[in-house]
Amino acid sequence: MAQLLDDNDIDDALAALPGWRREGNKLVRDVPVEDDSRDNLERAIMTVADELDHHPVISEGDGELRLEVWTHSDGGITAKDVELAGRIDQALTGPVQD
């Protein structure tokens, strides 16, 4: 079992994850997306998730994807969730340019 983060740790993590927020025991982000790029975006997110062997719940809304991240087996937010959220952000913004 992973250790759940306390409120201070979660607040610190969210300060470094723009666009993410806490909803109960989950990290949540709503990402605007055009219909023609939805599949590519979901594929990029799932590639990152597969690499970490930790997967978000993705819900489709009108013009957006809702991403929910939490460690199901532990019932809350762990360091693994923070890492996944950060990696998802990297996938959303594309590769870093030198």
PDB file of N, CA and C in Angstrom:
ATOM      1  N   MET A   1       0.826  -1.186   0.000  1.00  0.00           N
ATOM      2  CA  MET A   1       0.000   0.000   0.000  1.00  0.00           C
ATOM      3  C   MET A   1       0.871   1.250   0.000  1.00  0.00           C
ATOM      4  N   ALA A   2       0.446   2.211  -0.776  1.00  0.00           N
ATOM      5  CA  ALA A   2       1.133   3.502  -0.813  1.00  0.00           C
ATOM      6  C   ALA A   2       0.603   4.385   0.311  1.00  0.00           C
ATOM      7  N   GLN A   3       1.410   5.326   0.704  1.00  0.00           N
ATOM      8  CA  GLN A   3       1.003   6.234   1.770  1.00  0.00           C
ATOM      9  C   GLN A   3       0.190   7.382   1.174  1.00  0.00           C
ATOM     10  N   LEU A   4      -0.970   7.642   1.770  1.00  0.00           N
ATOM     11  CA  LEU A   4      -1.795   8.764   1.350  1.00  0.00           C
ATOM     12  C   LEU A   4      -1.106  10.070   1.709  1.00  0.00           C
ATOM     13  N   LEU A   5      -1.225  11.056   0.837  1.00  0.00           N
ATOM     14  CA  LEU A   5      -0.679  12.376   1.124  1.00  0.00           C
ATOM     15  C   LEU A   5      -1.608  13.118   2.066  1.00  0.00           C
ATOM     16  N   ASP A   6      -1.021  13.935   2.943  1.00  0.00           N
ATOM     17  CA  ASP A   6      -1.869  14.742   3.817  1.00  0.00           C
ATOM     18  C   ASP A   6      -2.268  16.025   3.083  1.00  0.00           C
ATOM     19  N   ASP A   7      -3.140  16.813   3.700  1.00  0.00           N
ATOM     20  CA  ASP A   7      -3.666  18.019   3.054  1.00  0.00           C
ATOM     21  C   ASP A   7      -2.560  18.982   2.631  1.00  0.00           C
ATOM     22  N   ASN A   8      -1.557  19.160   3.462  1.00  0.00           N
ATOM     23  CA  ASN A   8      -0.460  20.073   3.123  1.00  0.00           C
ATOM     24  C   ASN A   8       0.323  19.577   1.912  1.00  0.00           C
ATOM     25  N   ASP A   9       0.596  18.282   1.865  1.00  0.00           N
ATOM     26  CA  ASP A   9       1.314  17.714   0.723  1.00  0.00           C
ATOM     27  C   ASP A   9       0.505  17.874  -0.564  1.00  0.00           C
ATOM     28  N   ILE A  10      -0.788  17.680  -0.470  1.00  0.00           N
ATOM     29  CA  ILE A  10      -1.655  17.825  -1.641  1.00  0.00           C
ATOM     30  C   ILE A  10      -1.687  19.278  -2.101  1.00  0.00           C
ATOM     31  N   ASP A  11      -1.807  20.206  -1.160  1.00  0.00           N
ATOM     32  CA  ASP A  11      -1.794  21.635  -1.512  1.00  0.00           C
ATOM     33  C   ASP A  11      -0.482  22.022  -2.180  1.00  0.00           C
ATOM     34  N   ASP A  12       0.635  21.529  -1.660  1.00  0.00           N
ATOM     35  CA  ASP A  12       1.944  21.806  -2.258  1.00  0.00           C
ATOM     36  C   ASP A  12       2.021  21.244  -3.674  1.00  0.00           C
ATOM     37  N   ALA A  13       1.518  20.030  -3.855  1.00  0.00           N
ATOM     38  CA  ALA A  13       1.541  19.411  -5.182  1.00  0.00           C
ATOM     39  C   ALA A  13       0.676  20.196  -6.163  1.00  0.00           C
ATOM     40  N   LEU A  14      -0.491  20.619  -5.730  1.00  0.00           N
ATOM     41  CA  LEU A  14      -1.385  21.369  -6.612  1.00  0.00           C
ATOM     42  C   LEU A  14      -0.804  22.718  -7.009  1.00  0.00           C
ATOM     43  N   ALA A  15       0.010  23.296  -6.148  1.00  0.00           N
ATOM     44  CA  ALA A  15       0.656  24.572  -6.483  1.00  0.00           C
ATOM     45  C   ALA A  15       1.577  24.408  -7.696  1.00  0.00           C
ATOM     46  N   ALA A  16       2.085  23.203  -7.899  1.00  0.00           N
ATOM     47  CA  ALA A  16       2.984  22.932  -9.022  1.00  0.00           C
ATOM     48  C   ALA A  16       2.253  22.300 -10.212  1.00  0.00           C
ATOM     49  N   LEU A  17       0.937  22.142 -10.103  1.00  0.00           N
ATOM     50  CA  LEU A  17       0.138  21.508 -11.159  1.00  0.00           C
ATOM     51  C   LEU A  17      -1.000  22.435 -11.594  1.00  0.00           C
ATOM     52  N   PRO A  18      -0.686  23.473 -12.351  1.00  0.00           N
ATOM     53  CA  PRO A  18      -1.737  24.399 -12.785  1.00  0.00           C
ATOM     54  C   PRO A  18      -2.843  23.666 -13.550  1.00  0.00           C
ATOM     55  N   GLY A  19      -4.062  24.051 -13.265  1.00  0.00           N
ATOM     56  CA  GLY A  19      -5.201  23.436 -13.939  1.00  0.00           C
ATOM     57  C   GLY A  19      -5.788  22.257 -13.184  1.00  0.00           C
ATOM     58  N   TRP A  20      -5.036  21.707 -12.250  1.00  0.00           N
ATOM     59  CA  TRP A  20      -5.527  20.597 -11.437  1.00  0.00           C
ATOM     60  C   TRP A  20      -6.147  21.151 -10.162  1.00  0.00           C
ATOM     61  N   ARG A  21      -7.103  20.425  -9.632  1.00  0.00           N
ATOM     62  CA  ARG A  21      -7.727  20.786  -8.364  1.00  0.00           C
ATOM     63  C   ARG A  21      -8.063  19.497  -7.598  1.00  0.00           C
ATOM     64  N   ARG A  22      -8.380  19.691  -6.363  1.00  0.00           N
ATOM     65  CA  ARG A  22      -8.773  18.552  -5.528  1.00  0.00           C
ATOM     66  C   ARG A  22     -10.286  18.524  -5.439  1.00  0.00           C
ATOM     67  N   GLU A  23     -10.836  17.358  -5.657  1.00  0.00           N
ATOM     68  CA  GLU A  23     -12.256  17.112  -5.413  1.00  0.00           C
ATOM     69  C   GLU A  23     -12.340  15.869  -4.547  1.00  0.00           C
ATOM     70  N   GLY A  24     -12.552  16.076  -3.266  1.00  0.00           N
ATOM     71  CA  GLY A  24     -12.586  14.950  -2.331  1.00  0.00           C
ATOM     72  C   GLY A  24     -11.247  14.253  -2.278  1.00  0.00           C
ATOM     73  N   ASN A  25     -11.242  12.979  -2.641  1.00  0.00           N
ATOM     74  CA  ASN A  25     -10.011  12.185  -2.578  1.00  0.00           C
ATOM     75  C   ASN A  25      -9.377  12.000  -3.950  1.00  0.00           C
ATOM     76  N   LYS A  26      -9.627  12.956  -4.875  1.00  0.00           N
ATOM     77  CA  LYS A  26      -9.112  12.845  -6.241  1.00  0.00           C
ATOM     78  C   LYS A  26      -8.455  14.145  -6.685  1.00  0.00           C
ATOM     79  N   LEU A  27      -7.505  14.020  -7.606  1.00  0.00           N
ATOM     80  CA  LEU A  27      -7.000  15.157  -8.363  1.00  0.00           C
ATOM     81  C   LEU A  27      -7.792  15.191  -9.661  1.00  0.00           C
ATOM     82  N   VAL A  28      -8.271  16.383 -10.030  1.00  0.00           N
ATOM     83  CA  VAL A  28      -9.164  16.504 -11.181  1.00  0.00           C
ATOM     84  C   VAL A  28      -8.686  17.638 -12.079  1.00  0.00           C
ATOM     85  N   ARG A  29      -8.784  17.414 -13.386  1.00  0.00           N
ATOM     86  CA  ARG A  29      -8.497  18.464 -14.357  1.00  0.00           C
ATOM     87  C   ARG A  29      -9.463  18.331 -15.526  1.00  0.00           C
ATOM     88  N   ASP A  30     -10.048  19.451 -15.933  1.00  0.00           N
ATOM     89  CA  ASP A  30     -10.877  19.506 -17.131  1.00  0.00           C
ATOM     90  C   ASP A  30     -10.031  20.107 -18.243  1.00  0.00           C
ATOM     91  N   VAL A  31      -9.929  19.385 -19.353  1.00  0.00           N
ATOM     92  CA  VAL A  31      -9.077  19.795 -20.457  1.00  0.00           C
ATOM     93  C   VAL A  31      -9.952  20.072 -21.676  1.00  0.00           C
ATOM     94  N   PRO A  32      -9.952  21.324 -22.149  1.00  0.00           N
ATOM     95  CA  PRO A  32     -10.696  21.594 -23.384  1.00  0.00           C
ATOM     96  C   PRO A  32     -10.048  20.863 -24.546  1.00  0.00           C
ATOM     97  N   VAL A  33     -10.876  20.322 -25.428  1.00  0.00           N
ATOM     98  CA  VAL A  33     -10.342  19.558 -26.555  1.00  0.00           C
ATOM     99  C   VAL A  33     -11.312  19.654 -27.735  1.00  0.00           C
ATOM    100  N   GLU A  34     -10.733  19.821 -28.900  1.00  0.00           N
ATOM    101  CA  GLU A  34     -11.518  19.797 -30.136  1.00  0.00           C
ATOM    102  C   GLU A  34     -11.837  18.340 -30.465  1.00  0.00           C
ATOM    103  N   ASP A  35     -13.000  18.113 -31.063  1.00  0.00           N
ATOM    104  CA  ASP A  35     -13.403  16.745 -31.392  1.00  0.00           C
ATOM    105  C   ASP A  35     -12.382  16.022 -32.260  1.00  0.00           C
ATOM    106  N   ASP A  36     -11.764  16.737 -33.186  1.00  0.00           N
ATOM    107  CA  ASP A  36     -10.838  16.080 -34.107  1.00  0.00           C
ATOM    108  C   ASP A  36      -9.490  15.731 -33.470  1.00  0.00           C
ATOM    109  N   SER A  37      -9.232  16.237 -32.272  1.00  0.00           N
ATOM    110  CA  SER A  37      -7.969  15.888 -31.605  1.00  0.00           C
ATOM    111  C   SER A  37      -8.184  15.055 -30.339  1.00  0.00           C
ATOM    112  N   ARG A  38      -9.419  14.734 -30.043  1.00  0.00           N
ATOM    113  CA  ARG A  38      -9.755  13.988 -28.816  1.00  0.00           C
ATOM    114  C   ARG A  38      -9.038  12.635 -28.756  1.00  0.00           C
ATOM    115  N   ASP A  39      -9.101  11.870 -29.828  1.00  0.00           N
ATOM    116  CA  ASP A  39      -8.487  10.533 -29.819  1.00  0.00           C
ATOM    117  C   ASP A  39      -6.984  10.610 -29.607  1.00  0.00           C
ATOM    118  N   ASN A  40      -6.322  11.548 -30.278  1.00  0.00           N
ATOM    119  CA  ASN A  40      -4.872  11.688 -30.115  1.00  0.00           C
ATOM    120  C   ASN A  40      -4.516  12.084 -28.689  1.00  0.00           C
ATOM    121  N   LEU A  41      -5.294  12.969 -28.098  1.00  0.00           N
ATOM    122  CA  LEU A  41      -5.042  13.398 -26.729  1.00  0.00           C
ATOM    123  C   LEU A  41      -5.229  12.240 -25.755  1.00  0.00           C
ATOM    124  N   GLU A  42      -6.302  11.505 -25.914  1.00  0.00           N
ATOM    125  CA  GLU A  42      -6.527  10.350 -25.039  1.00  0.00           C
ATOM    126  C   GLU A  42      -5.413   9.315 -25.202  1.00  0.00           C
ATOM    127  N   ARG A  43      -4.970   9.111 -26.419  1.00  0.00           N
ATOM    128  CA  ARG A  43      -3.887   8.154 -26.673  1.00  0.00           C
ATOM    129  C   ARG A  43      -2.602   8.599 -25.973  1.00  0.00           C
ATOM    130  N   ALA A  44      -2.296   9.903 -26.040  1.00  0.00           N
ATOM    131  CA  ALA A  44      -1.095  10.418 -25.378  1.00  0.00           C
ATOM    132  C   ALA A  44      -1.183  10.238 -23.864  1.00  0.00           C
ATOM    133  N   ILE A  45      -2.353  10.497 -23.311  1.00  0.00           N
ATOM    134  CA  ILE A  45      -2.553  10.329 -21.863  1.00  0.00           C
ATOM    135  C   ILE A  45      -2.394   8.858 -21.472  1.00  0.00           C
ATOM    136  N   MET A  46      -2.970   7.961 -22.243  1.00  0.00           N
ATOM    137  CA  MET A  46      -2.894   6.548 -21.902  1.00  0.00           C
ATOM    138  C   MET A  46      -1.488   5.986 -22.091  1.00  0.00           C
ATOM    139  N   THR A  47      -0.716   6.542 -23.006  1.00  0.00           N
ATOM    140  CA  THR A  47       0.682   6.117 -23.159  1.00  0.00           C
ATOM    141  C   THR A  47       1.455   6.412 -21.879  1.00  0.00           C
ATOM    142  N   VAL A  48       1.280   7.614 -21.355  1.00  0.00           N
ATOM    143  CA  VAL A  48       1.932   7.990 -20.095  1.00  0.00           C
ATOM    144  C   VAL A  48       1.438   7.091 -18.963  1.00  0.00           C
ATOM    145  N   ALA A  49       0.129   6.872 -18.907  1.00  0.00           N
ATOM    146  CA  ALA A  49      -0.446   6.045 -17.848  1.00  0.00           C
ATOM    147  C   ALA A  49       0.101   4.617 -17.914  1.00  0.00           C
ATOM    148  N   ASP A  50       0.212   4.086 -19.118  1.00  0.00           N
ATOM    149  CA  ASP A  50       0.754   2.727 -19.267  1.00  0.00           C
ATOM    150  C   ASP A  50       2.205   2.663 -18.796  1.00  0.00           C
ATOM    151  N   GLU A  51       2.984   3.703 -19.104  1.00  0.00           N
ATOM    152  CA  GLU A  51       4.380   3.735 -18.666  1.00  0.00           C
ATOM    153  C   GLU A  51       4.485   3.690 -17.146  1.00  0.00           C
ATOM    154  N   LEU A  52       3.558   4.355 -16.466  1.00  0.00           N
ATOM    155  CA  LEU A  52       3.582   4.392 -14.999  1.00  0.00           C
ATOM    156  C   LEU A  52       2.771   3.262 -14.364  1.00  0.00           C
ATOM    157  N   ASP A  53       2.039   2.514 -15.193  1.00  0.00           N
ATOM    158  CA  ASP A  53       1.126   1.480 -14.705  1.00  0.00           C
ATOM    159  C   ASP A  53       0.168   2.063 -13.662  1.00  0.00           C
ATOM    160  N   HIS A  54      -0.370   3.233 -14.005  1.00  0.00           N
ATOM    161  CA  HIS A  54      -1.302   3.955 -13.130  1.00  0.00           C
ATOM    162  C   HIS A  54      -2.195   4.765 -14.056  1.00  0.00           C
ATOM    163  N   HIS A  55      -3.496   4.568 -13.989  1.00  0.00           N
ATOM    164  CA  HIS A  55      -4.383   5.095 -15.012  1.00  0.00           C
ATOM    165  C   HIS A  55      -5.439   6.051 -14.452  1.00  0.00           C
ATOM    166  N   PRO A  56      -5.664   7.152 -15.175  1.00  0.00           N
ATOM    167  CA  PRO A  56      -6.719   8.080 -14.776  1.00  0.00           C
ATOM    168  C   PRO A  56      -8.076   7.569 -15.248  1.00  0.00           C
ATOM    169  N   VAL A  57      -9.105   8.110 -14.656  1.00  0.00           N
ATOM    170  CA  VAL A  57     -10.448   7.921 -15.176  1.00  0.00           C
ATOM    171  C   VAL A  57     -10.684   9.103 -16.107  1.00  0.00           C
ATOM    172  N   ILE A  58     -11.049   8.818 -17.351  1.00  0.00           N
ATOM    173  CA  ILE A  58     -11.272   9.859 -18.350  1.00  0.00           C
ATOM    174  C   ILE A  58     -12.749   9.856 -18.711  1.00  0.00           C
ATOM    175  N   SER A  59     -13.391  11.010 -18.538  1.00  0.00           N
ATOM    176  CA  SER A  59     -14.790  11.183 -18.918  1.00  0.00           C
ATOM    177  C   SER A  59     -14.853  12.217 -20.024  1.00  0.00           C
ATOM    178  N   GLU A  60     -15.686  11.956 -21.016  1.00  0.00           N
ATOM    179  CA  GLU A  60     -15.831  12.883 -22.126  1.00  0.00           C
ATOM    180  C   GLU A  60     -17.041  13.775 -21.886  1.00  0.00           C
ATOM    181  N   GLY A  61     -16.824  15.080 -22.045  1.00  0.00           N
ATOM    182  CA  GLY A  61     -17.900  16.043 -21.980  1.00  0.00           C
ATOM    183  C   GLY A  61     -17.949  16.815 -23.276  1.00  0.00           C
ATOM    184  N   ASP A  62     -18.824  17.769 -23.354  1.00  0.00           N
ATOM    185  CA  ASP A  62     -18.957  18.586 -24.549  1.00  0.00           C
ATOM    186  C   ASP A  62     -17.752  19.509 -24.670  1.00  0.00           C
ATOM    187  N   GLY A  63     -16.834  19.160 -25.563  1.00  0.00           N
ATOM    188  CA  GLY A  63     -15.656  19.984 -25.789  1.00  0.00           C
ATOM    189  C   GLY A  63     -14.579  19.860 -24.744  1.00  0.00           C
ATOM    190  N   GLU A  64     -14.636  18.823 -23.907  1.00  0.00           N
ATOM    191  CA  GLU A  64     -13.600  18.659 -22.890  1.00  0.00           C
ATOM    192  C   GLU A  64     -13.455  17.198 -22.474  1.00  0.00           C
ATOM    193  N   LEU A  65     -12.314  16.942 -21.872  1.00  0.00           N
ATOM    194  CA  LEU A  65     -12.066  15.678 -21.182  1.00  0.00           C
ATOM    195  C   LEU A  65     -11.896  15.985 -19.706  1.00  0.00           C
ATOM    196  N   ARG A  66     -12.506  15.204 -18.855  1.00  0.00           N
ATOM    197  CA  ARG A  66     -12.292  15.323 -17.409  1.00  0.00           C
ATOM    198  C   ARG A  66     -11.390  14.177 -17.001  1.00  0.00           C
ATOM    199  N   LEU A  67     -10.286  14.536 -16.360  1.00  0.00           N
ATOM    200  CA  LEU A  67      -9.316  13.565 -15.873  1.00  0.00           C
ATOM    201  C   LEU A  67      -9.414  13.496 -14.361  1.00  0.00           C
ATOM    202  N   GLU A  68      -9.563  12.300 -13.838  1.00  0.00           N
ATOM    203  CA  GLU A  68      -9.608  12.079 -12.395  1.00  0.00           C
ATOM    204  C   GLU A  68      -8.522  11.077 -12.041  1.00  0.00           C
ATOM    205  N   VAL A  69      -7.711  11.452 -11.059  1.00  0.00           N
ATOM    206  CA  VAL A  69      -6.570  10.634 -10.674  1.00  0.00           C
ATOM    207  C   VAL A  69      -6.612  10.411  -9.169  1.00  0.00           C
ATOM    208  N   TRP A  70      -6.562   9.164  -8.776  1.00  0.00           N
ATOM    209  CA  TRP A  70      -6.415   8.793  -7.376  1.00  0.00           C
ATOM    210  C   TRP A  70      -5.991   7.340  -7.318  1.00  0.00           C
ATOM    211  N   THR A  71      -5.449   6.951  -6.200  1.00  0.00           N
ATOM    212  CA  THR A  71      -5.017   5.570  -6.035  1.00  0.00           C
ATOM    213  C   THR A  71      -6.186   4.785  -5.455  1.00  0.00           C
ATOM    214  N   HIS A  72      -6.862   4.068  -6.334  1.00  0.00           N
ATOM    215  CA  HIS A  72      -8.081   3.350  -5.957  1.00  0.00           C
ATOM    216  C   HIS A  72      -7.852   2.420  -4.770  1.00  0.00           C
ATOM    217  N   SER A  73      -6.753   1.672  -4.813  1.00  0.00           N
ATOM    218  CA  SER A  73      -6.503   0.661  -3.778  1.00  0.00           C
ATOM    219  C   SER A  73      -6.265   1.278  -2.403  1.00  0.00           C
ATOM    220  N   ASP A  74      -5.842   2.548  -2.374  1.00  0.00           N
ATOM    221  CA  ASP A  74      -5.584   3.211  -1.098  1.00  0.00           C
ATOM    222  C   ASP A  74      -6.680   4.209  -0.731  1.00  0.00           C
ATOM    223  N   GLY A  75      -7.588   4.468  -1.657  1.00  0.00           N
ATOM    224  CA  GLY A  75      -8.731   5.324  -1.371  1.00  0.00           C
ATOM    225  C   GLY A  75      -8.407   6.808  -1.272  1.00  0.00           C
ATOM    226  N   GLY A  76      -7.373   7.246  -1.969  1.00  0.00           N
ATOM    227  CA  GLY A  76      -7.038   8.666  -1.897  1.00  0.00           C
ATOM    228  C   GLY A  76      -5.864   9.025  -2.770  1.00  0.00           C
ATOM    229  N   ILE A  77      -5.278  10.169  -2.482  1.00  0.00           N
ATOM    230  CA  ILE A  77      -4.211  10.732  -3.299  1.00  0.00           C
ATOM    231  C   ILE A  77      -2.845  10.344  -2.729  1.00  0.00           C
ATOM    232  N   THR A  78      -2.007   9.782  -3.604  1.00  0.00           N
ATOM    233  CA  THR A  78      -0.656   9.380  -3.221  1.00  0.00           C
ATOM    234  C   THR A  78       0.349  10.090  -4.129  1.00  0.00           C
ATOM    235  N   ALA A  79       1.614   9.901  -3.837  1.00  0.00           N
ATOM    236  CA  ALA A  79       2.669  10.485  -4.666  1.00  0.00           C
ATOM    237  C   ALA A  79       2.571   9.993  -6.106  1.00  0.00           C
ATOM    238  N   LYS A  80       2.104   8.781  -6.297  1.00  0.00           N
ATOM    239  CA  LYS A  80       1.953   8.235  -7.645  1.00  0.00           C
ATOM    240  C   LYS A  80       0.937   9.048  -8.462  1.00  0.00           C
ATOM    241  N   ASP A  81      -0.091   9.557  -7.798  1.00  0.00           N
ATOM    242  CA  ASP A  81      -1.094  10.380  -8.480  1.00  0.00           C
ATOM    243  C   ASP A  81      -0.509  11.722  -8.903  1.00  0.00           C
ATOM    244  N   VAL A  82       0.296  12.303  -8.035  1.00  0.00           N
ATOM    245  CA  VAL A  82       0.947  13.575  -8.347  1.00  0.00           C
ATOM    246  C   VAL A  82       1.888  13.389  -9.528  1.00  0.00           C
ATOM    247  N   GLU A  83       2.628  12.280  -9.530  1.00  0.00           N
ATOM    248  CA  GLU A  83       3.534  12.001 -10.646  1.00  0.00           C
ATOM    249  C   GLU A  83       2.743  11.840 -11.944  1.00  0.00           C
ATOM    250  N   LEU A  84       1.646  11.104 -11.896  1.00  0.00           N
ATOM    251  CA  LEU A  84       0.833  10.901 -13.092  1.00  0.00           C
ATOM    252  C   LEU A  84       0.267  12.228 -13.595  1.00  0.00           C
ATOM    253  N   ALA A  85      -0.223  13.072 -12.694  1.00  0.00           N
ATOM    254  CA  ALA A  85      -0.763  14.367 -13.108  1.00  0.00           C
ATOM    255  C   ALA A  85       0.310  15.202 -13.806  1.00  0.00           C
ATOM    256  N   GLY A  86       1.513  15.212 -13.266  1.00  0.00           N
ATOM    257  CA  GLY A  86       2.610  15.947 -13.882  1.00  0.00           C
ATOM    258  C   GLY A  86       2.977  15.399 -15.248  1.00  0.00           C
ATOM    259  N   ARG A  87       2.992  14.093 -15.370  1.00  0.00           N
ATOM    260  CA  ARG A  87       3.313  13.467 -16.663  1.00  0.00           C
ATOM    261  C   ARG A  87       2.205  13.713 -17.676  1.00  0.00           C
ATOM    262  N   ILE A  88       0.958  13.732 -17.224  1.00  0.00           N
ATOM    263  CA  ILE A  88      -0.148  14.058 -18.122  1.00  0.00           C
ATOM    264  C   ILE A  88       0.019  15.486 -18.630  1.00  0.00           C
ATOM    265  N   ASP A  89       0.382  16.395 -17.743  1.00  0.00           N
ATOM    266  CA  ASP A  89       0.609  17.781 -18.164  1.00  0.00           C
ATOM    267  C   ASP A  89       1.680  17.856 -19.241  1.00  0.00           C
ATOM    268  N   GLN A  90       2.747  17.093 -19.089  1.00  0.00           N
ATOM    269  CA  GLN A  90       3.801  17.066 -20.097  1.00  0.00           C
ATOM    270  C   GLN A  90       3.261  16.546 -21.431  1.00  0.00           C
ATOM    271  N   ALA A  91       2.424  15.526 -21.368  1.00  0.00           N
ATOM    272  CA  ALA A  91       1.845  14.973 -22.593  1.00  0.00           C
ATOM    273  C   ALA A  91       0.907  15.981 -23.262  1.00  0.00           C
ATOM    274  N   LEU A  92       0.207  16.782 -22.461  1.00  0.00           N
ATOM    275  CA  LEU A  92      -0.717  17.766 -23.009  1.00  0.00           C
ATOM    276  C   LEU A  92       0.000  18.921 -23.688  1.00  0.00           C
ATOM    277  N   THR A  93       1.174  19.265 -23.182  1.00  0.00           N
ATOM    278  CA  THR A  93       1.888  20.419 -23.735  1.00  0.00           C
ATOM    279  C   THR A  93       2.882  20.020 -24.814  1.00  0.00           C
ATOM    280  N   GLY A  94       3.142  18.728 -24.958  1.00  0.00           N
ATOM    281  CA  GLY A  94       4.067  18.267 -25.992  1.00  0.00           C
ATOM    282  C   GLY A  94       5.484  18.229 -25.468  1.00  0.00           C
ATOM    283  N   PRO A  95       6.410  17.826 -26.317  1.00  0.00           N
ATOM    284  CA  PRO A  95       7.809  17.697 -25.880  1.00  0.00           C
ATOM    285  C   PRO A  95       8.433  19.053 -25.577  1.00  0.00           C
ATOM    286  N   VAL A  96       9.365  19.034 -24.660  1.00  0.00           N
ATOM    287  CA  VAL A  96      10.091  20.251 -24.288  1.00  0.00           C
ATOM    288  C   VAL A  96      11.020  20.617 -25.427  1.00  0.00           C
ATOM    289  N   GLN A  97      11.004  21.900 -25.816  1.00  0.00           N
ATOM    290  CA  GLN A  97      11.875  22.393 -26.878  1.00  0.00           C
ATOM    291  C   GLN A  97      13.151  22.954 -26.277  1.00  0.00           C
ATOM    292  N   ASP A  98      14.279  22.621 -26.873  1.00  0.00           N
ATOM    293  CA  ASP A  98      15.561  23.169 -26.398  1.00  0.00           C
ATOM    294  C   ASP A  98      15.870  24.460 -27.114  1.00  0.00           C
TER     295      ASP A  98
END
